[in-house]
Amino acid sequence: MAIEDRIREIEEEIKKTPYNKATSHHIGKLKAKVSQLKEESFKRSSSSHKGKGFYVKKSGDSTVVLLGFPSVGKSTLLNELTNAESKVGGYEFTTLDIVPGIMEYKNAKIQILDIPGIITGASKGKGRGREILSVARNADLILMVLDVFNPQHMNVILNELRSIGIRPNEKVPDVTVHKRKMGGIKLVSTVPLTHIDEKTVRSILSEYGIHSADVLIRDDVTLDQFIDSMDSTCCYIPMLIVINKIDLADSSYIKELKSKMPDAIFIAADQGLNMEKLRDTVFENLKLMRVYLKPQGRKADFNDPLIVRGGSTVIEVASKLHREFARNFRHARVWGTSVKFPGQKVGPDHILEDEDVLRIILKK
């Protein structure tokens, strides 16, 4: 039996099984089996498509992928945000390959990729869907672009993303499983568990062939989250919902849609409407920050900041500048909100904040 057929068969059994305390461990085993089969299917697909998929070299400080159904206006949006010239047409599948562009904002260079539109069944390979979705796996941020008259496509796309192991806007489950040769399963939880019990944990681990392990859980995880923690193909990516073509809808419809989707950003790409808000929200969600460098004996360069990830340490910034800076690092001095007083001497693990001024002192 093909992997997809086995997955479908088990998922049908899960649907037919009423969920309660008595059946949770059985459902856990079934879901673990589905997760393993999807992981196997993904690895086989990745192996069989080597050299045949979409490819674009990552550049800039971060990468954002535009994801949505055909003809939702992704190409128009790319052209509005960047210097790219993506083909625009009023018919489906205008974009047949990846079109990259660079959005320059607050001194950051953000790569934005316009990828072909996906369709229902993309995660199972329809319309080159697996290859398209695999591009999203490597993004720092996903922009899900929806047509204002088809907001229901959001759930379809979310299902396709989850089916290929992408967990948008979810945090990584704080679960550690350390396998041992003997001694059985020893479960320690630092928080009360309300969604999963020890019997279910044992059932899931048994499905993975694990019968002796130290299990540490620091979150009140659900059954699905615990299974995800065992799946090496799961990736966790932030995502924004963008509703396009709002200029075509009347105000009462837009008002109702906003009440249902309060976190979405409403735009009209071809009119340039709300583009600045979108740029700012993208920048914020990428959690980028600016660090101004101050060479010894000179003033800080406030015109050309170094763009780094939020929460970066001094040594990480030093490594980005040059590996010799990290190797010969002595200490640093920082001016800004991350220190108690200007010019404070800090070590390699000091965490910087946006618009800090940094001077690195190297060993002689």
Foldseek 3Di string as FASTA:
>chain_A
DDLVVVLVVLVVVLVVDDDDPVCLLVNLLSVLVSLVSLLVVLVVVVVVCVPPFADDDDDWAFEEEEAAAFQLCLQLLQVLQFVWNQDDDNDGFSDPGKTWGWGQDPLTTYIYIYGHYDDQCLLVCPPNSSRRLVVVLPGQEYEYEAELVCPVCVVSVCVSNVSNQEDEPDDQFPKDKAADPDDFEAEDEPDDADADDPSSVCSSCVSVVGGGIYMYGDDNDHSVNVSSNVRPRHDYHYYAYEHEPCVVDDPVSVVVVCVVVVRHHYYHSNVSGCSVVVVVVVVVSSQKAWEWEDEPPGGTDPPNTDIHHAFDFQLNVLVVVPVVLNVFFDWKFKADDQDDHHRDIGHRGRTDHHHMYMYTDGDD
